[in-house]
């Protein structure tokens, strides 16, 4: 009996399936909801949170979660079909491999396809329902941006395979994650502010700082299946420069947020911890090439960064 099958031995089949679907949708990456939370806080500051927007807020949250679950399923399907997940997870601990239910056999390919389709339909329906509750005040441009983001989220590793195109992975991550924060604000407020744009861009960059370090650890497997991430395409020295530029972009966006908007410089102190943690991430990643450690630091930095922004928005 393998370690993975042994870990399932004490669970009921229903529990095993439910856990498999949660892992397929990457529900453990709760960080995707942060953009929506920050959008909510900005909407509160601008007086757009109330009984007339409650339904839209709830529906956009459902949209965000279902989009993540559909995208997670599509990504695992792509990695399973082209063999990159099998290569990248070979030799890793059983607890790590267990995060890939298609590899462990916890779910079949057809179950994963059905789950992804259902979640994507729910995501699109929730987004359009949110628009319908706003009595025609949602800008058409915001609806278009929302729909493009939902399509891109499931074309990441299958279909158009956006993440296999040169630069496609990075653009898709930044766009889709940015939409999670920008679209709910834009739909409900009816316009875009500099604060909403900067916040969405920050969360997008912070996720790129997770994904890019992960890509560095997966560069051999990705190269074998022609997944053209920047970690694969660039010489290592140039890729490290790219990581440093992402760090500098994050600092620049934070500086703009706390010097050019209603949020004054004193509130910017709440963002100091995330800058420090990103510097530590750069040290372990670009400096020591401990790519997986740097990736996990990135997850913590998103926690810390979004907590800092939320505190600033509450204190403003």
C-alpha atoms as a PDB file:
ATOM      1  CA  UNK A   1       0.000   0.000   0.000  1.00  0.00           C
ATOM      2  CA  UNK A   2       1.360   3.430  -0.948  1.00  0.00           C
ATOM      3  CA  UNK A   3       1.564   6.325   1.477  1.00  0.00           C
ATOM      4  CA  UNK A   4      -1.209   8.074  -0.432  1.00  0.00           C
ATOM      5  CA  UNK A   5      -3.560   5.105  -0.417  1.00  0.00           C
ATOM      6  CA  UNK A   6      -2.781   4.520   3.249  1.00  0.00           C
ATOM      7  CA  UNK A   7      -3.772   8.082   4.025  1.00  0.00           C
ATOM      8  CA  UNK A   8      -7.163   7.406   2.372  1.00  0.00           C
ATOM      9  CA  UNK A   9      -7.700   4.098   4.121  1.00  0.00           C
ATOM     10  CA  UNK A  10      -9.588   5.575   7.078  1.00  0.00           C
ATOM     11  CA  UNK A  11     -11.850   7.835   4.984  1.00  0.00           C
ATOM     12  CA  UNK A  12     -15.242   7.088   3.502  1.00  0.00           C
ATOM     13  CA  UNK A  13     -15.455   7.117  -0.323  1.00  0.00           C
ATOM     14  CA  UNK A  14     -17.614  10.262  -0.133  1.00  0.00           C
ATOM     15  CA  UNK A  15     -15.064  12.061   2.009  1.00  0.00           C
ATOM     16  CA  UNK A  16     -12.246  10.996  -0.304  1.00  0.00           C
ATOM     17  CA  UNK A  17     -14.128  12.338  -3.331  1.00  0.00           C
ATOM     18  CA  UNK A  18     -15.008  15.603  -1.612  1.00  0.00           C
ATOM     19  CA  UNK A  19     -11.400  16.102  -0.572  1.00  0.00           C
ATOM     20  CA  UNK A  20     -10.293  15.273  -4.103  1.00  0.00           C
ATOM     21  CA  UNK A  21     -12.557  17.936  -5.575  1.00  0.00           C
ATOM     22  CA  UNK A  22     -11.351  20.498  -3.024  1.00  0.00           C
ATOM     23  CA  UNK A  23      -7.765  19.714  -3.986  1.00  0.00           C
ATOM     24  CA  UNK A  24      -8.595  19.795  -7.694  1.00  0.00           C
ATOM     25  CA  UNK A  25     -10.040  23.294  -7.340  1.00  0.00           C
ATOM     26  CA  UNK A  26      -7.072  24.356  -5.191  1.00  0.00           C
ATOM     27  CA  UNK A  27      -9.432  25.469  -2.434  1.00  0.00           C
ATOM     28  CA  UNK A  28      -6.422  25.556  -0.099  1.00  0.00           C
ATOM     29  CA  UNK A  29      -5.224  28.661  -1.961  1.00  0.00           C
ATOM     30  CA  UNK A  30      -7.683  30.914  -0.147  1.00  0.00           C
ATOM     31  CA  UNK A  31      -5.504  33.865  -1.156  1.00  0.00           C
ATOM     32  CA  UNK A  32      -7.599  34.272  -4.320  1.00  0.00           C
ATOM     33  CA  UNK A  33     -10.367  35.834  -2.233  1.00  0.00           C
ATOM     34  CA  UNK A  34      -8.153  38.682  -1.019  1.00  0.00           C
ATOM     35  CA  UNK A  35      -8.761  40.831  -4.087  1.00  0.00           C
ATOM     36  CA  UNK A  36     -12.502  40.651  -3.470  1.00  0.00           C
ATOM     37  CA  UNK A  37     -12.039  41.541   0.217  1.00  0.00           C
ATOM     38  CA  UNK A  38      -9.954  44.585  -0.679  1.00  0.00           C
ATOM     39  CA  UNK A  39     -12.534  45.623  -3.283  1.00  0.00           C
ATOM     40  CA  UNK A  40     -15.210  45.347  -0.582  1.00  0.00           C
ATOM     41  CA  UNK A  41     -13.227  47.628   1.729  1.00  0.00           C
ATOM     42  CA  UNK A  42     -12.740  50.201  -1.027  1.00  0.00           C
ATOM     43  CA  UNK A  43     -16.447  50.059  -1.848  1.00  0.00           C
ATOM     44  CA  UNK A  44     -17.196  50.615   1.841  1.00  0.00           C
ATOM     45  CA  UNK A  45     -14.962  53.683   1.874  1.00  0.00           C
ATOM     46  CA  UNK A  46     -16.829  55.054  -1.130  1.00  0.00           C
ATOM     47  CA  UNK A  47     -20.288  54.386   0.318  1.00  0.00           C
ATOM     48  CA  UNK A  48     -21.260  51.565  -2.020  1.00  0.00           C
ATOM     49  CA  UNK A  49     -21.886  48.857   0.591  1.00  0.00           C
ATOM     50  CA  UNK A  50     -25.502  48.549   1.639  1.00  0.00           C
ATOM     51  CA  UNK A  51     -28.752  46.743   1.071  1.00  0.00           C
ATOM     52  CA  UNK A  52     -28.866  47.765  -2.587  1.00  0.00           C
ATOM     53  CA  UNK A  53     -25.485  46.140  -3.331  1.00  0.00           C
ATOM     54  CA  UNK A  54     -25.554  43.168  -0.935  1.00  0.00           C
ATOM     55  CA  UNK A  55     -26.730  40.714  -3.599  1.00  0.00           C
ATOM     56  CA  UNK A  56     -24.100  41.868  -6.087  1.00  0.00           C
ATOM     57  CA  UNK A  57     -21.367  41.573  -3.463  1.00  0.00           C
ATOM     58  CA  UNK A  58     -22.416  38.022  -2.529  1.00  0.00           C
ATOM     59  CA  UNK A  59     -22.697  36.973  -6.164  1.00  0.00           C
ATOM     60  CA  UNK A  60     -19.286  38.407  -7.093  1.00  0.00           C
ATOM     61  CA  UNK A  61     -17.744  36.471  -4.197  1.00  0.00           C
ATOM     62  CA  UNK A  62     -19.342  33.282  -5.534  1.00  0.00           C
ATOM     63  CA  UNK A  63     -18.037  34.217  -8.980  1.00  0.00           C
ATOM     64  CA  UNK A  64     -14.488  34.635  -7.648  1.00  0.00           C
ATOM     65  CA  UNK A  65     -14.515  31.297  -5.816  1.00  0.00           C
ATOM     66  CA  UNK A  66     -16.102  29.332  -8.668  1.00  0.00           C
ATOM     67  CA  UNK A  67     -13.697  30.887 -11.176  1.00  0.00           C
ATOM     68  CA  UNK A  68     -10.776  29.765  -9.015  1.00  0.00           C
ATOM     69  CA  UNK A  69     -12.143  26.229  -8.724  1.00  0.00           C
ATOM     70  CA  UNK A  70     -12.812  25.971 -12.457  1.00  0.00           C
ATOM     71  CA  UNK A  71      -9.357  27.341 -13.264  1.00  0.00           C
ATOM     72  CA  UNK A  72      -7.698  24.986 -10.792  1.00  0.00           C
ATOM     73  CA  UNK A  73      -9.434  21.993 -12.357  1.00  0.00           C
ATOM     74  CA  UNK A  74      -8.474  23.082 -15.867  1.00  0.00           C
ATOM     75  CA  UNK A  75      -4.847  23.600 -14.827  1.00  0.00           C
ATOM     76  CA  UNK A  76      -4.611  20.134 -13.267  1.00  0.00           C
ATOM     77  CA  UNK A  77      -6.210  18.585 -16.348  1.00  0.00           C
ATOM     78  CA  UNK A  78      -3.609  20.220 -18.559  1.00  0.00           C
ATOM     79  CA  UNK A  79      -0.734  19.141 -16.338  1.00  0.00           C
ATOM     80  CA  UNK A  80      -2.085  15.613 -16.125  1.00  0.00           C
ATOM     81  CA  UNK A  81      -2.653  15.232 -19.853  1.00  0.00           C
ATOM     82  CA  UNK A  82       0.740  16.502 -20.991  1.00  0.00           C
ATOM     83  CA  UNK A  83       2.635  14.727 -18.219  1.00  0.00           C
ATOM     84  CA  UNK A  84       4.199  17.865 -16.726  1.00  0.00           C
ATOM     85  CA  UNK A  85       2.618  17.268 -13.304  1.00  0.00           C
ATOM     86  CA  UNK A  86       3.941  13.703 -13.232  1.00  0.00           C
ATOM     87  CA  UNK A  87       7.429  15.001 -14.041  1.00  0.00           C
ATOM     88  CA  UNK A  88       7.351  17.963 -11.664  1.00  0.00           C
ATOM     89  CA  UNK A  89       5.938  15.950  -8.747  1.00  0.00           C
ATOM     90  CA  UNK A  90       8.160  12.895  -9.192  1.00  0.00           C
ATOM     91  CA  UNK A  91      10.057  12.168  -6.000  1.00  0.00           C
ATOM     92  CA  UNK A  92       8.141  14.661  -3.883  1.00  0.00           C
ATOM     93  CA  UNK A  93       6.662  13.665  -0.499  1.00  0.00           C
ATOM     94  CA  UNK A  94       3.314  11.825  -0.563  1.00  0.00           C
ATOM     95  CA  UNK A  95       1.632  14.724   1.227  1.00  0.00           C
ATOM     96  CA  UNK A  96       2.676  16.997  -1.645  1.00  0.00           C
ATOM     97  CA  UNK A  97       1.643  14.566  -4.396  1.00  0.00           C
ATOM     98  CA  UNK A  98      -1.748  14.201  -2.656  1.00  0.00           C
ATOM     99  CA  UNK A  99      -2.535  17.770  -3.773  1.00  0.00           C
ATOM    100  CA  UNK A 100      -2.861  16.383  -7.310  1.00  0.00           C
ATOM    101  CA  UNK A 101      -5.931  14.090  -7.174  1.00  0.00           C
ATOM    102  CA  UNK A 102      -5.579  13.072 -10.830  1.00  0.00           C
ATOM    103  CA  UNK A 103      -2.071  11.789 -10.158  1.00  0.00           C
ATOM    104  CA  UNK A 104      -3.125   9.850  -7.065  1.00  0.00           C
ATOM    105  CA  UNK A 105      -6.249   8.425  -8.662  1.00  0.00           C
ATOM    106  CA  UNK A 106      -8.581  10.082  -6.157  1.00  0.00           C
ATOM    107  CA  UNK A 107     -10.479  11.503  -9.147  1.00  0.00           C
ATOM    108  CA  UNK A 108     -10.848  10.327 -12.723  1.00  0.00           C
ATOM    109  CA  UNK A 109     -10.252  12.567 -15.716  1.00  0.00           C
ATOM    110  CA  UNK A 110     -13.967  12.616 -16.570  1.00  0.00           C
ATOM    111  CA  UNK A 111     -14.837  13.654 -13.009  1.00  0.00           C
ATOM    112  CA  UNK A 112     -12.340  16.488 -13.227  1.00  0.00           C
ATOM    113  CA  UNK A 113     -13.802  17.639 -16.556  1.00  0.00           C
ATOM    114  CA  UNK A 114     -17.353  17.648 -15.178  1.00  0.00           C
ATOM    115  CA  UNK A 115     -16.288  19.525 -12.064  1.00  0.00           C
ATOM    116  CA  UNK A 116     -14.475  22.169 -14.093  1.00  0.00           C
ATOM    117  CA  UNK A 117     -17.432  22.704 -16.428  1.00  0.00           C
ATOM    118  CA  UNK A 118     -19.948  22.982 -13.598  1.00  0.00           C
ATOM    119  CA  UNK A 119     -17.770  25.435 -11.668  1.00  0.00           C
ATOM    120  CA  UNK A 120     -17.175  27.576 -14.757  1.00  0.00           C
ATOM    121  CA  UNK A 121     -20.905  27.743 -15.544  1.00  0.00           C
ATOM    122  CA  UNK A 122     -21.589  28.757 -11.939  1.00  0.00           C
ATOM    123  CA  UNK A 123     -18.883  31.432 -12.137  1.00  0.00           C
ATOM    124  CA  UNK A 124     -20.240  32.990 -15.325  1.00  0.00           C
ATOM    125  CA  UNK A 125     -23.836  32.758 -14.118  1.00  0.00           C
ATOM    126  CA  UNK A 126     -22.965  34.378 -10.779  1.00  0.00           C
ATOM    127  CA  UNK A 127     -21.140  37.221 -12.500  1.00  0.00           C
ATOM    128  CA  UNK A 128     -24.009  37.918 -14.889  1.00  0.00           C
ATOM    129  CA  UNK A 129     -26.533  37.628 -12.056  1.00  0.00           C
ATOM    130  CA  UNK A 130     -24.546  40.211 -10.109  1.00  0.00           C
ATOM    131  CA  UNK A 131     -24.745  42.535 -13.120  1.00  0.00           C
ATOM    132  CA  UNK A 132     -28.511  41.967 -13.314  1.00  0.00           C
ATOM    133  CA  UNK A 133     -29.013  43.048  -9.685  1.00  0.00           C
ATOM    134  CA  UNK A 134     -27.384  46.420 -10.375  1.00  0.00           C
ATOM    135  CA  UNK A 135     -30.270  47.732 -12.520  1.00  0.00           C
ATOM    136  CA  UNK A 136     -28.218  48.653 -15.553  1.00  0.00           C
ATOM    137  CA  UNK A 137     -25.521  50.626 -13.714  1.00  0.00           C
ATOM    138  CA  UNK A 138     -22.718  48.106 -14.344  1.00  0.00           C
ATOM    139  CA  UNK A 139     -20.456  49.451 -17.120  1.00  0.00           C
ATOM    140  CA  UNK A 140     -20.405  47.233 -20.247  1.00  0.00           C
ATOM    141  CA  UNK A 141     -16.598  47.485 -20.271  1.00  0.00           C
ATOM    142  CA  UNK A 142     -16.479  45.963 -16.784  1.00  0.00           C
ATOM    143  CA  UNK A 143     -18.718  43.090 -17.904  1.00  0.00           C
ATOM    144  CA  UNK A 144     -16.442  42.464 -20.897  1.00  0.00           C
ATOM    145  CA  UNK A 145     -13.305  42.479 -18.729  1.00  0.00           C
ATOM    146  CA  UNK A 146     -15.039  40.048 -16.343  1.00  0.00           C
ATOM    147  CA  UNK A 147     -15.983  37.621 -19.127  1.00  0.00           C
ATOM    148  CA  UNK A 148     -12.508  37.715 -20.697  1.00  0.00           C
ATOM    149  CA  UNK A 149     -11.018  36.924 -17.279  1.00  0.00           C
ATOM    150  CA  UNK A 150     -13.368  33.984 -16.802  1.00  0.00           C
ATOM    151  CA  UNK A 151     -12.514  32.587 -20.235  1.00  0.00           C
ATOM    152  CA  UNK A 152      -8.772  33.076 -19.689  1.00  0.00           C
ATOM    153  CA  UNK A 153      -8.904  31.309 -16.315  1.00  0.00           C
ATOM    154  CA  UNK A 154      -9.870  27.984 -17.924  1.00  0.00           C
ATOM    155  CA  UNK A 155      -7.713  28.407 -21.043  1.00  0.00           C
ATOM    156  CA  UNK A 156      -4.538  28.541 -18.937  1.00  0.00           C
ATOM    157  CA  UNK A 157      -3.395  24.935 -19.446  1.00  0.00           C
ATOM    158  CA  UNK A 158      -5.997  23.511 -21.837  1.00  0.00           C
ATOM    159  CA  UNK A 159      -7.787  24.833 -24.912  1.00  0.00           C
ATOM    160  CA  UNK A 160      -5.763  27.856 -26.001  1.00  0.00           C
ATOM    161  CA  UNK A 161      -3.052  26.809 -23.507  1.00  0.00           C
ATOM    162  CA  UNK A 162      -2.221  30.420 -22.686  1.00  0.00           C
ATOM    163  CA  UNK A 163       0.457  29.436 -20.170  1.00  0.00           C
ATOM    164  CA  UNK A 164       2.353  27.581 -22.924  1.00  0.00           C
ATOM    165  CA  UNK A 165       2.769  30.721 -25.030  1.00  0.00           C
ATOM    166  CA  UNK A 166       5.828  32.930 -24.444  1.00  0.00           C
ATOM    167  CA  UNK A 167       4.749  35.384 -21.748  1.00  0.00           C
ATOM    168  CA  UNK A 168       1.244  33.946 -21.731  1.00  0.00           C
ATOM    169  CA  UNK A 169       1.458  32.484 -18.247  1.00  0.00           C
ATOM    170  CA  UNK A 170       2.611  35.741 -16.698  1.00  0.00           C
ATOM    171  CA  UNK A 171       0.054  37.906 -18.523  1.00  0.00           C
ATOM    172  CA  UNK A 172      -2.809  35.521 -17.711  1.00  0.00           C
ATOM    173  CA  UNK A 173      -1.932  35.319 -14.007  1.00  0.00           C
ATOM    174  CA  UNK A 174      -1.656  39.095 -13.699  1.00  0.00           C
ATOM    175  CA  UNK A 175      -4.878  39.725 -15.639  1.00  0.00           C
ATOM    176  CA  UNK A 176      -7.073  37.100 -13.957  1.00  0.00           C
ATOM    177  CA  UNK A 177      -5.891  37.845 -10.414  1.00  0.00           C
ATOM    178  CA  UNK A 178      -6.146  41.578 -11.033  1.00  0.00           C
ATOM    179  CA  UNK A 179      -9.727  41.101 -12.230  1.00  0.00           C
ATOM    180  CA  UNK A 180     -10.658  39.482  -8.917  1.00  0.00           C
ATOM    181  CA  UNK A 181     -10.056  42.800  -7.180  1.00  0.00           C
ATOM    182  CA  UNK A 182     -10.934  45.227  -9.958  1.00  0.00           C
ATOM    183  CA  UNK A 183     -14.129  43.777 -11.452  1.00  0.00           C
ATOM    184  CA  UNK A 184     -16.291  43.670  -8.267  1.00  0.00           C
ATOM    185  CA  UNK A 185     -15.382  47.296  -7.520  1.00  0.00           C
ATOM    186  CA  UNK A 186     -15.918  48.424 -11.122  1.00  0.00           C
ATOM    187  CA  UNK A 187     -19.263  46.645 -11.504  1.00  0.00           C
ATOM    188  CA  UNK A 188     -20.718  47.977  -8.260  1.00  0.00           C
ATOM    189  CA  UNK A 189     -19.197  51.478  -8.139  1.00  0.00           C
ATOM    190  CA  UNK A 190     -19.809  51.985 -11.854  1.00  0.00           C
ATOM    191  CA  UNK A 191     -16.366  53.480 -12.430  1.00  0.00           C
ATOM    192  CA  UNK A 192     -12.677  52.800 -11.777  1.00  0.00           C
ATOM    193  CA  UNK A 193     -10.512  54.715  -9.323  1.00  0.00           C
ATOM    194  CA  UNK A 194      -6.736  54.933  -9.084  1.00  0.00           C
ATOM    195  CA  UNK A 195      -6.948  53.153  -5.718  1.00  0.00           C
ATOM    196  CA  UNK A 196      -8.873  50.225  -7.205  1.00  0.00           C
ATOM    197  CA  UNK A 197      -6.453  49.952 -10.134  1.00  0.00           C
ATOM    198  CA  UNK A 198      -3.350  50.098  -7.954  1.00  0.00           C
ATOM    199  CA  UNK A 199      -4.774  47.569  -5.488  1.00  0.00           C
ATOM    200  CA  UNK A 200      -5.707  45.124  -8.257  1.00  0.00           C
ATOM    201  CA  UNK A 201      -2.261  45.521  -9.836  1.00  0.00           C
ATOM    202  CA  UNK A 202      -0.539  44.903  -6.501  1.00  0.00           C
ATOM    203  CA  UNK A 203      -2.398  41.657  -5.869  1.00  0.00           C
ATOM    204  CA  UNK A 204      -1.632  40.583  -9.443  1.00  0.00           C
ATOM    205  CA  UNK A 205       2.088  41.267  -8.999  1.00  0.00           C
ATOM    206  CA  UNK A 206       2.149  39.485  -5.647  1.00  0.00           C
ATOM    207  CA  UNK A 207       0.675  36.367  -7.230  1.00  0.00           C
ATOM    208  CA  UNK A 208       3.243  36.598 -10.026  1.00  0.00           C
ATOM    209  CA  UNK A 209       5.903  36.557  -7.316  1.00  0.00           C
ATOM    210  CA  UNK A 210       4.504  33.217  -6.134  1.00  0.00           C
ATOM    211  CA  UNK A 211       4.046  31.666  -9.554  1.00  0.00           C
ATOM    212  CA  UNK A 212       7.381  32.825 -10.969  1.00  0.00           C
ATOM    213  CA  UNK A 213       9.396  31.188  -8.186  1.00  0.00           C
ATOM    214  CA  UNK A 214       7.301  28.037  -8.602  1.00  0.00           C
ATOM    215  CA  UNK A 215       8.043  28.096 -12.335  1.00  0.00           C
ATOM    216  CA  UNK A 216      11.762  28.207 -11.573  1.00  0.00           C
ATOM    217  CA  UNK A 217      11.505  24.953  -9.612  1.00  0.00           C
ATOM    218  CA  UNK A 218       9.446  23.373 -12.421  1.00  0.00           C
ATOM    219  CA  UNK A 219      11.527  24.648 -15.341  1.00  0.00           C
ATOM    220  CA  UNK A 220      12.861  21.215 -16.389  1.00  0.00           C
ATOM    221  CA  UNK A 221       9.437  19.569 -16.506  1.00  0.00           C
ATOM    222  CA  UNK A 222       7.844  22.604 -18.153  1.00  0.00           C
ATOM    223  CA  UNK A 223      10.580  22.689 -20.787  1.00  0.00           C
ATOM    224  CA  UNK A 224      10.018  19.034 -21.657  1.00  0.00           C
ATOM    225  CA  UNK A 225       6.341  19.702 -22.494  1.00  0.00           C
ATOM    226  CA  UNK A 226       7.062  23.041 -24.258  1.00  0.00           C
ATOM    227  CA  UNK A 227       5.459  25.177 -21.565  1.00  0.00           C
ATOM    228  CA  UNK A 228       7.211  28.440 -22.351  1.00  0.00           C
ATOM    229  CA  UNK A 229       7.279  30.200 -18.992  1.00  0.00           C
ATOM    230  CA  UNK A 230       9.821  32.970 -18.545  1.00  0.00           C
ATOM    231  CA  UNK A 231      11.745  30.602 -16.268  1.00  0.00           C
ATOM    232  CA  UNK A 232      12.137  28.307 -19.290  1.00  0.00           C
ATOM    233  CA  UNK A 233      12.739  30.968 -21.930  1.00  0.00           C
ATOM    234  CA  UNK A 234      15.202  33.241 -20.129  1.00  0.00           C
ATOM    235  CA  UNK A 235      18.783  32.469 -19.118  1.00  0.00           C
ATOM    236  CA  UNK A 236      18.950  32.129 -15.361  1.00  0.00           C
ATOM    237  CA  UNK A 237      20.712  35.475 -14.917  1.00  0.00           C
ATOM    238  CA  UNK A 238      18.036  37.289 -16.929  1.00  0.00           C
ATOM    239  CA  UNK A 239      15.271  35.477 -15.052  1.00  0.00           C
ATOM    240  CA  UNK A 240      16.716  36.657 -11.746  1.00  0.00           C
ATOM    241  CA  UNK A 241      16.688  40.216 -13.101  1.00  0.00           C
ATOM    242  CA  UNK A 242      13.007  39.705 -13.946  1.00  0.00           C
ATOM    243  CA  UNK A 243      12.335  38.635 -10.346  1.00  0.00           C
ATOM    244  CA  UNK A 244      14.123  41.732  -9.068  1.00  0.00           C
ATOM    245  CA  UNK A 245      12.012  43.885 -11.414  1.00  0.00           C
ATOM    246  CA  UNK A 246       8.821  42.336 -10.045  1.00  0.00           C
ATOM    247  CA  UNK A 247      10.006  43.210  -6.535  1.00  0.00           C
ATOM    248  CA  UNK A 248      10.744  46.786  -7.654  1.00  0.00           C
ATOM    249  CA  UNK A 249       7.332  47.020  -9.353  1.00  0.00           C
ATOM    250  CA  UNK A 250       5.598  45.982  -6.137  1.00  0.00           C
ATOM    251  CA  UNK A 251       7.457  48.659  -4.172  1.00  0.00           C
ATOM    252  CA  UNK A 252       6.638  51.264  -6.833  1.00  0.00           C
ATOM    253  CA  UNK A 253       2.928  50.432  -6.835  1.00  0.00           C
ATOM    254  CA  UNK A 254       2.847  50.636  -3.036  1.00  0.00           C
ATOM    255  CA  UNK A 255       4.586  54.013  -3.145  1.00  0.00           C
ATOM    256  CA  UNK A 256       2.024  55.286  -5.658  1.00  0.00           C
ATOM    257  CA  UNK A 257      -0.881  53.985  -3.588  1.00  0.00           C
ATOM    258  CA  UNK A 258       0.303  55.798  -0.479  1.00  0.00           C
ATOM    259  CA  UNK A 259       1.446  59.054  -2.101  1.00  0.00           C
ATOM    260  CA  UNK A 260      -0.985  59.779  -4.961  1.00  0.00           C
ATOM    261  CA  UNK A 261      -4.350  58.728  -3.468  1.00  0.00           C
ATOM    262  CA  UNK A 262      -6.396  59.463  -0.340  1.00  0.00           C
ATOM    263  CA  UNK A 263      -4.162  57.027   1.581  1.00  0.00           C
ATOM    264  CA  UNK A 264      -1.401  59.091   3.150  1.00  0.00           C
ATOM    265  CA  UNK A 265       2.189  58.038   3.705  1.00  0.00           C
ATOM    266  CA  UNK A 266       1.640  57.209   7.375  1.00  0.00           C
ATOM    267  CA  UNK A 267      -0.828  54.483   6.370  1.00  0.00           C
ATOM    268  CA  UNK A 268       1.906  53.096   4.136  1.00  0.00           C
ATOM    269  CA  UNK A 269       3.643  51.776   7.243  1.00  0.00           C
ATOM    270  CA  UNK A 270       1.175  48.890   7.114  1.00  0.00           C
ATOM    271  CA  UNK A 271       2.878  47.746   3.889  1.00  0.00           C
ATOM    272  CA  UNK A 272       6.432  47.719   5.242  1.00  0.00           C
ATOM    273  CA  UNK A 273       6.250  44.062   6.403  1.00  0.00           C
ATOM    274  CA  UNK A 274       5.364  42.792   2.909  1.00  0.00           C
ATOM    275  CA  UNK A 275       8.265  44.705   1.366  1.00  0.00           C
ATOM    276  CA  UNK A 276      10.627  43.103   3.878  1.00  0.00           C
ATOM    277  CA  UNK A 277       9.206  39.622   3.222  1.00  0.00           C
ATOM    278  CA  UNK A 278       9.517  40.073  -0.535  1.00  0.00           C
ATOM    279  CA  UNK A 279      13.146  41.053  -0.043  1.00  0.00           C
ATOM    280  CA  UNK A 280      13.652  37.834   1.927  1.00  0.00           C
ATOM    281  CA  UNK A 281      11.937  35.927  -0.889  1.00  0.00           C
ATOM    282  CA  UNK A 282      14.283  37.485  -3.431  1.00  0.00           C
ATOM    283  CA  UNK A 283      17.267  36.515  -1.286  1.00  0.00           C
ATOM    284  CA  UNK A 284      16.277  32.854  -1.018  1.00  0.00           C
ATOM    285  CA  UNK A 285      15.085  32.612  -4.635  1.00  0.00           C
ATOM    286  CA  UNK A 286      17.325  34.717  -6.856  1.00  0.00           C
ATOM    287  CA  UNK A 287      20.152  34.692  -4.318  1.00  0.00           C
ATOM    288  CA  UNK A 288      20.327  31.104  -3.054  1.00  0.00           C
ATOM    289  CA  UNK A 289      18.126  29.399  -5.692  1.00  0.00           C
ATOM    290  CA  UNK A 290      15.951  27.786  -3.037  1.00  0.00           C
ATOM    291  CA  UNK A 291      12.989  28.110  -5.372  1.00  0.00           C
ATOM    292  CA  UNK A 292      10.354  26.156  -3.475  1.00  0.00           C
ATOM    293  CA  UNK A 293      11.160  27.915  -0.226  1.00  0.00           C
ATOM    294  CA  UNK A 294      10.844  31.238  -2.026  1.00  0.00           C
ATOM    295  CA  UNK A 295       7.478  30.158  -3.430  1.00  0.00           C
ATOM    296  CA  UNK A 296       6.115  29.378   0.014  1.00  0.00           C
ATOM    297  CA  UNK A 297       7.434  32.699   1.302  1.00  0.00           C
ATOM    298  CA  UNK A 298       5.401  34.241  -1.518  1.00  0.00           C
ATOM    299  CA  UNK A 299       2.188  32.747  -0.148  1.00  0.00           C
ATOM    300  CA  UNK A 300       2.925  34.239   3.261  1.00  0.00           C
ATOM    301  CA  UNK A 301       3.752  37.576   1.669  1.00  0.00           C
ATOM    302  CA  UNK A 302       0.313  37.716   0.024  1.00  0.00           C
ATOM    303  CA  UNK A 303      -1.211  37.102   3.476  1.00  0.00           C
ATOM    304  CA  UNK A 304       0.893  39.860   4.987  1.00  0.00           C
ATOM    305  CA  UNK A 305       0.482  42.302   2.109  1.00  0.00           C
ATOM    306  CA  UNK A 306      -3.284  42.019   1.872  1.00  0.00           C
ATOM    307  CA  UNK A 307      -3.601  42.239   5.659  1.00  0.00           C
ATOM    308  CA  UNK A 308      -1.556  45.450   5.548  1.00  0.00           C
ATOM    309  CA  UNK A 309      -3.695  46.946   2.784  1.00  0.00           C
ATOM    310  CA  UNK A 310      -6.901  45.919   4.557  1.00  0.00           C
ATOM    311  CA  UNK A 311      -5.696  47.631   7.740  1.00  0.00           C
ATOM    312  CA  UNK A 312      -4.845  50.789   5.803  1.00  0.00           C
ATOM    313  CA  UNK A 313      -8.274  50.802   4.141  1.00  0.00           C
ATOM    314  CA  UNK A 314      -9.985  50.361   7.496  1.00  0.00           C
ATOM    315  CA  UNK A 315      -7.982  53.158   9.114  1.00  0.00           C
ATOM    316  CA  UNK A 316      -8.385  55.603   6.220  1.00  0.00           C
END
